[in-house]
Amino acid sequence: VQLQAFGGGLVQPGGSLRLSCAASGSIFSIKSMGWYLRPPRRQDELVAITTRDGGISYAESAKGRFTISRDNAKNAVYLEMNSLKPDDTAVYYCNARVRTNWGDEQNLWGQGTQVTVSS
């Protein structure tokens, strides 16, 4: 079972980017999918998360600018990032909490995708 993230890149302030992430493998169900920052020697920081029951949460810095969405049929999650600021520059990590076909629960991380906001 693995996660693979796509998107990211270099964008000017005020621009937009779309991050995508898909889970693959022997997945029975996915409890939640989301995006985090993982700064070194610090606690993981939630950017946005969506749960299986439709719940959505955003970091204060993301509210009104970022939109998270999920495609359950594709085991995928997306993050639409608008009105980007230089402070949004970071590596964004996809996360999924899954139950596998063997019954165990796994907390999965994608490889991280770089978002750089600069003129």
Protein backbone atom coordinates (compact mmCIF):
# COMPACT_ATOMS: atom_id res chain seq x y z
CA VAL A 1 0.00 0.00 0.00
CA GLN A 2 1.48 3.34 -0.97
CA LEU A 3 0.73 6.97 -1.64
CA GLN A 4 1.98 8.94 -4.59
CA ALA A 5 1.70 12.70 -4.82
CA PHE A 6 1.72 14.89 -7.92
CA GLY A 7 1.66 18.59 -8.66
CA GLY A 8 3.54 21.35 -6.96
CA GLY A 9 6.11 23.54 -8.62
CA LEU A 10 7.01 27.20 -8.91
CA VAL A 11 4.28 29.84 -9.04
CA GLN A 12 4.15 33.61 -8.67
CA PRO A 13 2.44 35.21 -5.67
CA GLY A 14 -1.30 35.24 -6.22
CA GLY A 15 -1.13 32.21 -8.47
CA SER A 16 -2.66 28.76 -8.13
CA LEU A 17 -1.51 25.17 -7.95
CA ARG A 18 -3.25 21.83 -7.66
CA LEU A 19 -1.78 18.96 -5.71
CA SER A 20 -2.97 15.40 -6.26
CA CYS A 21 -2.37 12.25 -4.29
CA ALA A 22 -3.52 8.70 -4.89
CA ALA A 23 -3.39 5.61 -2.72
CA SER A 24 -2.84 2.23 -4.29
CA GLY A 25 -2.51 -1.36 -3.16
CA SER A 26 -4.62 -3.68 -1.07
CA ILE A 27 -6.87 -1.06 0.47
CA PHE A 28 -10.11 -2.01 2.16
CA SER A 29 -11.07 1.48 3.29
CA ILE A 30 -9.61 4.92 3.85
CA LYS A 31 -10.45 6.74 7.07
CA SER A 32 -8.96 10.08 6.11
CA MET A 33 -6.77 11.74 3.52
CA GLY A 34 -5.04 15.06 3.89
CA TRP A 35 -2.06 17.30 3.39
CA TYR A 36 0.57 18.25 5.94
CA LEU A 37 3.79 20.11 6.36
CA ARG A 38 6.55 18.16 8.07
CA PRO A 39 9.19 20.66 9.14
CA PRO A 40 12.40 19.10 10.50
CA ARG A 41 12.53 18.70 14.30
CA ARG A 42 9.00 20.04 14.62
CA GLN A 43 5.52 18.57 14.85
CA ASP A 44 3.62 17.80 11.68
CA GLU A 45 1.36 20.69 10.67
CA LEU A 46 -2.06 20.04 9.20
CA VAL A 47 -2.88 21.96 6.03
CA ALA A 48 -6.20 20.29 5.20
CA ILE A 49 -7.89 16.97 5.81
CA THR A 50 -11.01 15.18 4.66
CA THR A 51 -12.55 12.20 6.41
CA ARG A 52 -14.57 9.29 5.10
CA ASP A 53 -17.76 10.70 6.55
CA GLY A 54 -17.26 13.96 4.66
CA GLY A 55 -15.69 16.05 7.39
CA ILE A 56 -13.20 18.70 6.30
CA SER A 57 -10.76 20.78 8.31
CA TYR A 58 -8.27 23.44 7.32
CA ALA A 59 -5.37 25.20 8.95
CA GLU A 60 -6.22 28.82 9.65
CA SER A 61 -3.69 29.90 7.03
CA ALA A 62 -5.43 27.77 4.40
CA LYS A 63 -9.03 28.79 5.04
CA GLY A 64 -10.58 30.71 2.18
CA ARG A 65 -7.65 30.01 -0.16
CA PHE A 66 -7.22 26.23 -0.30
CA THR A 67 -9.85 23.63 -1.11
CA ILE A 68 -9.46 19.93 -0.38
CA SER A 69 -11.52 17.38 -2.25
CA ARG A 70 -11.59 13.62 -2.46
CA ASP A 71 -12.46 11.01 -5.05
CA ASN A 72 -13.33 7.85 -3.16
CA ALA A 73 -13.56 5.77 -6.32
CA LYS A 74 -9.96 6.61 -7.15
CA ASN A 75 -8.67 6.65 -3.56
CA ALA A 76 -7.43 10.13 -4.35
CA VAL A 77 -7.29 13.50 -2.65
CA TYR A 78 -6.67 16.90 -4.19
CA LEU A 79 -5.63 20.27 -2.84
CA GLU A 80 -6.55 23.32 -4.87
CA MET A 81 -4.31 26.16 -3.74
CA ASN A 82 -5.30 29.69 -4.72
CA SER A 83 -4.02 33.16 -3.88
CA LEU A 84 -0.67 31.66 -3.01
CA LYS A 85 1.76 33.62 -0.88
CA PRO A 86 5.52 33.30 -0.41
CA ASP A 87 4.78 31.97 3.10
CA ASP A 88 3.09 28.97 1.49
CA THR A 89 6.45 27.82 0.17
CA ALA A 90 7.08 24.38 1.63
CA VAL A 91 7.14 20.67 0.93
CA TYR A 92 3.59 19.35 1.15
CA TYR A 93 3.06 15.75 2.23
CA CYS A 94 0.02 13.67 1.46
CA ASN A 95 -1.27 11.47 4.29
CA ALA A 96 -3.81 8.68 4.41
CA ARG A 97 -5.05 6.50 7.23
CA VAL A 98 -6.11 3.24 5.66
CA ARG A 99 -7.36 -0.21 6.57
CA THR A 100 -5.82 -2.83 4.36
CA ASN A 101 -7.46 -5.95 2.98
CA TRP A 102 -5.61 -7.89 5.69
CA GLY A 103 -7.34 -5.91 8.41
CA ASP A 104 -4.46 -3.83 9.71
CA GLU A 105 -4.47 -0.05 9.85
CA GLN A 106 -1.66 1.95 8.31
CA ASN A 107 -0.71 5.59 8.46
CA LEU A 108 0.75 6.35 5.04
CA TRP A 109 2.85 9.27 3.83
CA GLY A 110 3.53 10.31 0.28
CA GLN A 111 6.95 11.40 -0.92
CA GLY A 112 6.32 15.13 -0.53
CA THR A 113 5.93 17.68 -3.26
CA GLN A 114 7.64 21.07 -3.32
CA VAL A 115 5.56 24.23 -3.64
CA THR A 116 7.54 27.41 -4.22
CA VAL A 117 5.83 30.80 -4.36
CA SER A 118 8.16 33.46 -5.66
CA SER A 119 8.28 36.26 -8.17
